């Protein structure tokens, strides 16, 4: 059943359901992800709509990482970028959608261990929505790297790794936060902070693993 009321009560205010444009709904999600997720769950989107959301986030993911690693990489970060990055990005684009399905299933299973009340469908809704609403931050980070690349001859500090590398991963922070909020809403967890802490630790482990494999010539 599709939600029909003219207003939706959120944690931080009331969102009008007449705000149907995608950019408006993404902005609402930045303000209050839990309310935005709850509204989307209430709309009961079909699987085709969910696939559209994740495919749109896939496209932004591909564009942002193409900018950061292929079009305009910062020189000091080039040593960390594999020569086959183009193939990696195409491969990532192809497997990202099924990976997000698998990821949402794993999240659903873990949430159930902690007495989460949501279904796998509700988990998918929130995970896919979070992936999309966090994607613009990754694209903004990509634009920052492009600007740093153009200015590094004039601003030498941009050539330092401690300055050049963080923008490559800044988009991960809002992704982890927004997806934690969505998971908390889908499973009726009152406090999203524990979910955010767990997600952050898992992300750090994955990043350390990537750097370790790179240092040992795995790719």
C-alpha atoms as a PDB file:
ATOM      1  CA  UNK A   1       0.000   0.000   0.000  1.00  0.00           C
ATOM      2  CA  UNK A   2       1.368   3.413  -0.965  1.00  0.00           C
ATOM      3  CA  UNK A   3       1.425   6.092   1.702  1.00  0.00           C
ATOM      4  CA  UNK A   4      -0.972   8.924   0.859  1.00  0.00           C
ATOM      5  CA  UNK A   5      -0.981  11.561   3.649  1.00  0.00           C
ATOM      6  CA  UNK A   6       0.226  15.020   2.782  1.00  0.00           C
ATOM      7  CA  UNK A   7       2.794  15.201   5.575  1.00  0.00           C
ATOM      8  CA  UNK A   8       5.195  12.791   7.204  1.00  0.00           C
ATOM      9  CA  UNK A   9       6.253  13.306  10.795  1.00  0.00           C
ATOM     10  CA  UNK A  10      10.018  12.904  11.219  1.00  0.00           C
ATOM     11  CA  UNK A  11      12.402  12.996  14.145  1.00  0.00           C
ATOM     12  CA  UNK A  12      13.596  16.490  13.225  1.00  0.00           C
ATOM     13  CA  UNK A  13      10.463  17.941  11.726  1.00  0.00           C
ATOM     14  CA  UNK A  14       7.688  17.268   9.250  1.00  0.00           C
ATOM     15  CA  UNK A  15       8.484  16.376   5.659  1.00  0.00           C
ATOM     16  CA  UNK A  16       5.834  16.988   3.037  1.00  0.00           C
ATOM     17  CA  UNK A  17       5.076  13.909   0.972  1.00  0.00           C
ATOM     18  CA  UNK A  18       4.508  16.312  -1.911  1.00  0.00           C
ATOM     19  CA  UNK A  19       8.304  16.605  -2.099  1.00  0.00           C
ATOM     20  CA  UNK A  20       8.589  13.846  -4.670  1.00  0.00           C
ATOM     21  CA  UNK A  21      11.578  15.001  -6.726  1.00  0.00           C
ATOM     22  CA  UNK A  22      14.598  12.783  -6.192  1.00  0.00           C
ATOM     23  CA  UNK A  23      16.905  15.653  -5.287  1.00  0.00           C
ATOM     24  CA  UNK A  24      14.411  16.917  -2.688  1.00  0.00           C
ATOM     25  CA  UNK A  25      14.081  13.492  -1.114  1.00  0.00           C
ATOM     26  CA  UNK A  26      17.854  13.063  -1.007  1.00  0.00           C
ATOM     27  CA  UNK A  27      18.125  16.422   0.744  1.00  0.00           C
ATOM     28  CA  UNK A  28      15.458  15.312   3.231  1.00  0.00           C
ATOM     29  CA  UNK A  29      17.494  12.159   3.878  1.00  0.00           C
ATOM     30  CA  UNK A  30      20.571  14.248   4.678  1.00  0.00           C
ATOM     31  CA  UNK A  31      18.497  16.122   7.265  1.00  0.00           C
ATOM     32  CA  UNK A  32      16.850  13.072   8.824  1.00  0.00           C
ATOM     33  CA  UNK A  33      17.786   9.707   7.348  1.00  0.00           C
ATOM     34  CA  UNK A  34      15.633   7.692   9.707  1.00  0.00           C
ATOM     35  CA  UNK A  35      12.445   9.551   8.815  1.00  0.00           C
ATOM     36  CA  UNK A  36      13.306   9.439   5.135  1.00  0.00           C
ATOM     37  CA  UNK A  37      13.896   5.681   5.350  1.00  0.00           C
ATOM     38  CA  UNK A  38      10.634   5.167   7.216  1.00  0.00           C
ATOM     39  CA  UNK A  39       8.746   7.091   4.568  1.00  0.00           C
ATOM     40  CA  UNK A  40      10.271   4.968   1.798  1.00  0.00           C
ATOM     41  CA  UNK A  41       9.443   1.721   3.622  1.00  0.00           C
ATOM     42  CA  UNK A  42       5.836   2.918   4.043  1.00  0.00           C
ATOM     43  CA  UNK A  43       5.618   3.463   0.291  1.00  0.00           C
ATOM     44  CA  UNK A  44       6.369  -0.249  -0.205  1.00  0.00           C
ATOM     45  CA  UNK A  45       8.521   0.191  -3.353  1.00  0.00           C
ATOM     46  CA  UNK A  46       8.677  -2.790  -5.679  1.00  0.00           C
ATOM     47  CA  UNK A  47      11.932  -4.561  -6.504  1.00  0.00           C
ATOM     48  CA  UNK A  48      12.288  -2.714  -9.789  1.00  0.00           C
ATOM     49  CA  UNK A  49      12.347   0.615  -7.968  1.00  0.00           C
ATOM     50  CA  UNK A  50      14.920  -0.698  -5.498  1.00  0.00           C
ATOM     51  CA  UNK A  51      17.121  -1.899  -8.352  1.00  0.00           C
ATOM     52  CA  UNK A  52      16.828   1.542  -9.940  1.00  0.00           C
ATOM     53  CA  UNK A  53      18.054   3.176  -6.709  1.00  0.00           C
ATOM     54  CA  UNK A  54      21.094   0.937  -6.448  1.00  0.00           C
ATOM     55  CA  UNK A  55      21.912   1.215 -10.166  1.00  0.00           C
ATOM     56  CA  UNK A  56      21.814   5.000  -9.869  1.00  0.00           C
ATOM     57  CA  UNK A  57      24.208   4.835  -6.927  1.00  0.00           C
ATOM     58  CA  UNK A  58      26.395   2.439  -8.977  1.00  0.00           C
ATOM     59  CA  UNK A  59      26.623   5.044 -11.727  1.00  0.00           C
ATOM     60  CA  UNK A  60      27.654   7.817  -9.328  1.00  0.00           C
ATOM     61  CA  UNK A  61      30.159   5.438  -7.707  1.00  0.00           C
ATOM     62  CA  UNK A  62      31.689   4.666 -11.109  1.00  0.00           C
ATOM     63  CA  UNK A  63      31.879   8.330 -12.141  1.00  0.00           C
ATOM     64  CA  UNK A  64      33.413   9.479  -8.861  1.00  0.00           C
ATOM     65  CA  UNK A  65      36.107   6.808  -8.758  1.00  0.00           C
ATOM     66  CA  UNK A  66      36.844   7.305 -12.455  1.00  0.00           C
ATOM     67  CA  UNK A  67      37.514  10.976 -11.748  1.00  0.00           C
ATOM     68  CA  UNK A  68      39.692  10.205  -8.726  1.00  0.00           C
ATOM     69  CA  UNK A  69      41.755   7.421 -10.247  1.00  0.00           C
ATOM     70  CA  UNK A  70      41.682   7.659 -14.051  1.00  0.00           C
ATOM     71  CA  UNK A  71      40.788  11.154 -15.229  1.00  0.00           C
ATOM     72  CA  UNK A  72      42.594  13.306 -12.692  1.00  0.00           C
ATOM     73  CA  UNK A  73      44.491  11.380  -9.986  1.00  0.00           C
ATOM     74  CA  UNK A  74      46.716  13.315  -7.592  1.00  0.00           C
ATOM     75  CA  UNK A  75      50.373  12.530  -8.262  1.00  0.00           C
ATOM     76  CA  UNK A  76      51.213  11.520  -4.685  1.00  0.00           C
ATOM     77  CA  UNK A  77      48.320   9.048  -4.698  1.00  0.00           C
ATOM     78  CA  UNK A  78      49.248   7.523  -8.046  1.00  0.00           C
ATOM     79  CA  UNK A  79      51.485   4.892  -6.416  1.00  0.00           C
ATOM     80  CA  UNK A  80      48.442   3.482  -4.639  1.00  0.00           C
ATOM     81  CA  UNK A  81      46.388   3.204  -7.824  1.00  0.00           C
ATOM     82  CA  UNK A  82      46.803  -0.092  -9.750  1.00  0.00           C
ATOM     83  CA  UNK A  83      47.649   0.138 -13.429  1.00  0.00           C
ATOM     84  CA  UNK A  84      44.561  -1.965 -14.151  1.00  0.00           C
ATOM     85  CA  UNK A  85      42.270   0.473 -12.348  1.00  0.00           C
ATOM     86  CA  UNK A  86      39.995   0.822 -15.383  1.00  0.00           C
ATOM     87  CA  UNK A  87      39.281  -2.905 -15.406  1.00  0.00           C
ATOM     88  CA  UNK A  88      38.799  -2.883 -11.648  1.00  0.00           C
ATOM     89  CA  UNK A  89      36.233  -0.098 -11.907  1.00  0.00           C
ATOM     90  CA  UNK A  90      34.291  -1.859 -14.655  1.00  0.00           C
ATOM     91  CA  UNK A  91      34.360  -5.047 -12.602  1.00  0.00           C
ATOM     92  CA  UNK A  92      33.235  -3.166  -9.494  1.00  0.00           C
ATOM     93  CA  UNK A  93      30.370  -1.606 -11.447  1.00  0.00           C
ATOM     94  CA  UNK A  94      29.213  -5.048 -12.582  1.00  0.00           C
ATOM     95  CA  UNK A  95      29.390  -6.742  -9.177  1.00  0.00           C
ATOM     96  CA  UNK A  96      28.322  -3.833  -6.958  1.00  0.00           C
ATOM     97  CA  UNK A  97      24.589  -4.465  -7.339  1.00  0.00           C
ATOM     98  CA  UNK A  98      24.690  -8.183  -6.407  1.00  0.00           C
ATOM     99  CA  UNK A  99      27.182  -7.293  -3.656  1.00  0.00           C
ATOM    100  CA  UNK A 100      24.682  -4.827  -2.166  1.00  0.00           C
ATOM    101  CA  UNK A 101      22.041  -7.565  -2.143  1.00  0.00           C
ATOM    102  CA  UNK A 102      24.506  -9.852  -0.351  1.00  0.00           C
ATOM    103  CA  UNK A 103      25.517  -7.051   2.006  1.00  0.00           C
ATOM    104  CA  UNK A 104      21.911  -6.308   2.945  1.00  0.00           C
ATOM    105  CA  UNK A 105      21.342 -10.016   3.607  1.00  0.00           C
ATOM    106  CA  UNK A 106      24.374 -10.176   5.911  1.00  0.00           C
ATOM    107  CA  UNK A 107      23.223  -6.990   7.687  1.00  0.00           C
ATOM    108  CA  UNK A 108      19.760  -8.500   8.086  1.00  0.00           C
ATOM    109  CA  UNK A 109      21.221 -11.648   9.644  1.00  0.00           C
ATOM    110  CA  UNK A 110      23.454  -9.738  12.055  1.00  0.00           C
ATOM    111  CA  UNK A 111      20.627  -7.368  13.039  1.00  0.00           C
ATOM    112  CA  UNK A 112      18.427 -10.362  13.844  1.00  0.00           C
ATOM    113  CA  UNK A 113      21.108 -11.640  16.227  1.00  0.00           C
ATOM    114  CA  UNK A 114      20.667  -8.377  18.142  1.00  0.00           C
ATOM    115  CA  UNK A 115      16.862  -8.650  18.101  1.00  0.00           C
ATOM    116  CA  UNK A 116      16.282  -6.439  15.108  1.00  0.00           C
ATOM    117  CA  UNK A 117      12.624  -6.272  14.095  1.00  0.00           C
ATOM    118  CA  UNK A 118      12.991  -5.603  10.379  1.00  0.00           C
ATOM    119  CA  UNK A 119      12.619  -7.903   7.389  1.00  0.00           C
ATOM    120  CA  UNK A 120      15.185  -8.478   4.655  1.00  0.00           C
ATOM    121  CA  UNK A 121      12.974  -6.406   2.358  1.00  0.00           C
ATOM    122  CA  UNK A 122      13.004  -3.456   4.778  1.00  0.00           C
ATOM    123  CA  UNK A 123      16.751  -3.876   5.200  1.00  0.00           C
ATOM    124  CA  UNK A 124      17.222  -3.762   1.412  1.00  0.00           C
ATOM    125  CA  UNK A 125      15.080  -0.641   1.156  1.00  0.00           C
ATOM    126  CA  UNK A 126      17.191   1.214   3.713  1.00  0.00           C
ATOM    127  CA  UNK A 127      20.573  -0.068   2.516  1.00  0.00           C
ATOM    128  CA  UNK A 128      19.862   0.758  -1.132  1.00  0.00           C
ATOM    129  CA  UNK A 129      18.453   4.175  -0.240  1.00  0.00           C
ATOM    130  CA  UNK A 130      21.466   4.946   1.948  1.00  0.00           C
ATOM    131  CA  UNK A 131      23.809   3.914  -0.855  1.00  0.00           C
ATOM    132  CA  UNK A 132      22.140   6.440  -3.147  1.00  0.00           C
ATOM    133  CA  UNK A 133      21.810   9.383  -0.743  1.00  0.00           C
ATOM    134  CA  UNK A 134      25.463   9.024   0.308  1.00  0.00           C
ATOM    135  CA  UNK A 135      26.753   8.772  -3.278  1.00  0.00           C
ATOM    136  CA  UNK A 136      26.836  12.562  -3.891  1.00  0.00           C
ATOM    137  CA  UNK A 137      29.409  12.925  -1.099  1.00  0.00           C
ATOM    138  CA  UNK A 138      31.724  10.556  -2.940  1.00  0.00           C
ATOM    139  CA  UNK A 139      31.255  12.624  -6.094  1.00  0.00           C
ATOM    140  CA  UNK A 140      32.013  15.850  -4.194  1.00  0.00           C
ATOM    141  CA  UNK A 141      35.174  14.216  -2.840  1.00  0.00           C
ATOM    142  CA  UNK A 142      36.105  13.332  -6.429  1.00  0.00           C
ATOM    143  CA  UNK A 143      35.709  16.971  -7.467  1.00  0.00           C
ATOM    144  CA  UNK A 144      37.989  17.946  -4.571  1.00  0.00           C
ATOM    145  CA  UNK A 145      40.687  15.594  -5.858  1.00  0.00           C
ATOM    146  CA  UNK A 146      40.314  17.058  -9.352  1.00  0.00           C
ATOM    147  CA  UNK A 147      40.800  20.555  -7.923  1.00  0.00           C
ATOM    148  CA  UNK A 148      43.815  19.433  -5.907  1.00  0.00           C
ATOM    149  CA  UNK A 149      45.302  17.820  -9.006  1.00  0.00           C
ATOM    150  CA  UNK A 150      44.988  21.077 -10.925  1.00  0.00           C
ATOM    151  CA  UNK A 151      46.515  23.124  -8.105  1.00  0.00           C
ATOM    152  CA  UNK A 152      49.289  20.837  -6.850  1.00  0.00           C
ATOM    153  CA  UNK A 153      51.913  22.573  -9.013  1.00  0.00           C
ATOM    154  CA  UNK A 154      51.001  25.848  -7.310  1.00  0.00           C
ATOM    155  CA  UNK A 155      50.248  24.495  -3.835  1.00  0.00           C
ATOM    156  CA  UNK A 156      53.023  21.961  -3.060  1.00  0.00           C
ATOM    157  CA  UNK A 157      51.326  20.740   0.111  1.00  0.00           C
ATOM    158  CA  UNK A 158      48.725  19.003  -2.088  1.00  0.00           C
ATOM    159  CA  UNK A 159      51.510  16.638  -3.147  1.00  0.00           C
ATOM    160  CA  UNK A 160      51.839  15.297   0.396  1.00  0.00           C
ATOM    161  CA  UNK A 161      50.171  11.922   0.954  1.00  0.00           C
ATOM    162  CA  UNK A 162      48.567  12.971   4.245  1.00  0.00           C
ATOM    163  CA  UNK A 163      46.749  15.691   2.307  1.00  0.00           C
ATOM    164  CA  UNK A 164      46.075  13.919  -0.983  1.00  0.00           C
ATOM    165  CA  UNK A 165      44.835  10.515   0.234  1.00  0.00           C
ATOM    166  CA  UNK A 166      41.956  11.471   2.616  1.00  0.00           C
ATOM    167  CA  UNK A 167      39.685  12.874  -0.154  1.00  0.00           C
ATOM    168  CA  UNK A 168      39.770   9.449  -1.818  1.00  0.00           C
ATOM    169  CA  UNK A 169      37.994   7.966   1.182  1.00  0.00           C
ATOM    170  CA  UNK A 170      35.997  10.882   2.617  1.00  0.00           C
ATOM    171  CA  UNK A 171      32.853   9.651   0.882  1.00  0.00           C
ATOM    172  CA  UNK A 172      33.004   6.544   3.065  1.00  0.00           C
ATOM    173  CA  UNK A 173      32.148   8.531   6.211  1.00  0.00           C
ATOM    174  CA  UNK A 174      28.658   9.731   5.166  1.00  0.00           C
ATOM    175  CA  UNK A 175      28.027   6.332   3.567  1.00  0.00           C
ATOM    176  CA  UNK A 176      28.701   4.544   6.870  1.00  0.00           C
ATOM    177  CA  UNK A 177      26.672   7.086   8.852  1.00  0.00           C
ATOM    178  CA  UNK A 178      23.647   7.136   6.549  1.00  0.00           C
ATOM    179  CA  UNK A 179      23.568   3.377   6.127  1.00  0.00           C
ATOM    180  CA  UNK A 180      23.800   2.982   9.920  1.00  0.00           C
ATOM    181  CA  UNK A 181      20.811   5.296  10.306  1.00  0.00           C
ATOM    182  CA  UNK A 182      18.880   3.336   7.698  1.00  0.00           C
ATOM    183  CA  UNK A 183      19.676  -0.024   9.296  1.00  0.00           C
ATOM    184  CA  UNK A 184      18.690   1.330  12.712  1.00  0.00           C
ATOM    185  CA  UNK A 185      15.346   2.492  11.338  1.00  0.00           C
ATOM    186  CA  UNK A 186      14.586  -0.703   9.431  1.00  0.00           C
ATOM    187  CA  UNK A 187      15.232  -2.819  12.547  1.00  0.00           C
ATOM    188  CA  UNK A 188      13.712  -0.389  15.072  1.00  0.00           C
ATOM    189  CA  UNK A 189      16.942   0.174  16.996  1.00  0.00           C
ATOM    190  CA  UNK A 190      16.391   3.199  19.215  1.00  0.00           C
ATOM    191  CA  UNK A 191      20.037   4.313  19.117  1.00  0.00           C
ATOM    192  CA  UNK A 192      21.986   4.226  15.860  1.00  0.00           C
ATOM    193  CA  UNK A 193      25.377   4.956  17.480  1.00  0.00           C
ATOM    194  CA  UNK A 194      26.249   1.277  18.179  1.00  0.00           C
ATOM    195  CA  UNK A 195      25.428   0.403  14.572  1.00  0.00           C
ATOM    196  CA  UNK A 196      27.622   3.262  13.367  1.00  0.00           C
ATOM    197  CA  UNK A 197      30.516   2.142  15.576  1.00  0.00           C
ATOM    198  CA  UNK A 198      30.302  -1.444  14.284  1.00  0.00           C
ATOM    199  CA  UNK A 199      30.048  -0.271  10.667  1.00  0.00           C
ATOM    200  CA  UNK A 200      33.018   2.054  11.156  1.00  0.00           C
ATOM    201  CA  UNK A 201      35.163  -0.729  12.607  1.00  0.00           C
ATOM    202  CA  UNK A 202      34.258  -3.048   9.733  1.00  0.00           C
ATOM    203  CA  UNK A 203      35.101  -0.319   7.213  1.00  0.00           C
ATOM    204  CA  UNK A 204      38.477   0.306   8.856  1.00  0.00           C
ATOM    205  CA  UNK A 205      39.255  -3.412   8.775  1.00  0.00           C
ATOM    206  CA  UNK A 206      38.402  -3.521   5.065  1.00  0.00           C
ATOM    207  CA  UNK A 207      40.575  -0.469   4.334  1.00  0.00           C
ATOM    208  CA  UNK A 208      43.500  -1.909   6.256  1.00  0.00           C
ATOM    209  CA  UNK A 209      43.048  -5.138   4.321  1.00  0.00           C
ATOM    210  CA  UNK A 210      43.134  -3.286   0.998  1.00  0.00           C
ATOM    211  CA  UNK A 211      46.325  -1.416   1.913  1.00  0.00           C
ATOM    212  CA  UNK A 212      47.913  -4.625   3.210  1.00  0.00           C
ATOM    213  CA  UNK A 213      47.177  -6.487  -0.018  1.00  0.00           C
ATOM    214  CA  UNK A 214      48.494  -3.550  -2.041  1.00  0.00           C
ATOM    215  CA  UNK A 215      51.711  -3.475   0.009  1.00  0.00           C
ATOM    216  CA  UNK A 216      52.183  -7.216  -0.596  1.00  0.00           C
ATOM    217  CA  UNK A 217      51.615  -6.979  -4.333  1.00  0.00           C
ATOM    218  CA  UNK A 218      48.196  -8.628  -4.350  1.00  0.00           C
ATOM    219  CA  UNK A 219      47.112  -6.059  -6.987  1.00  0.00           C
END
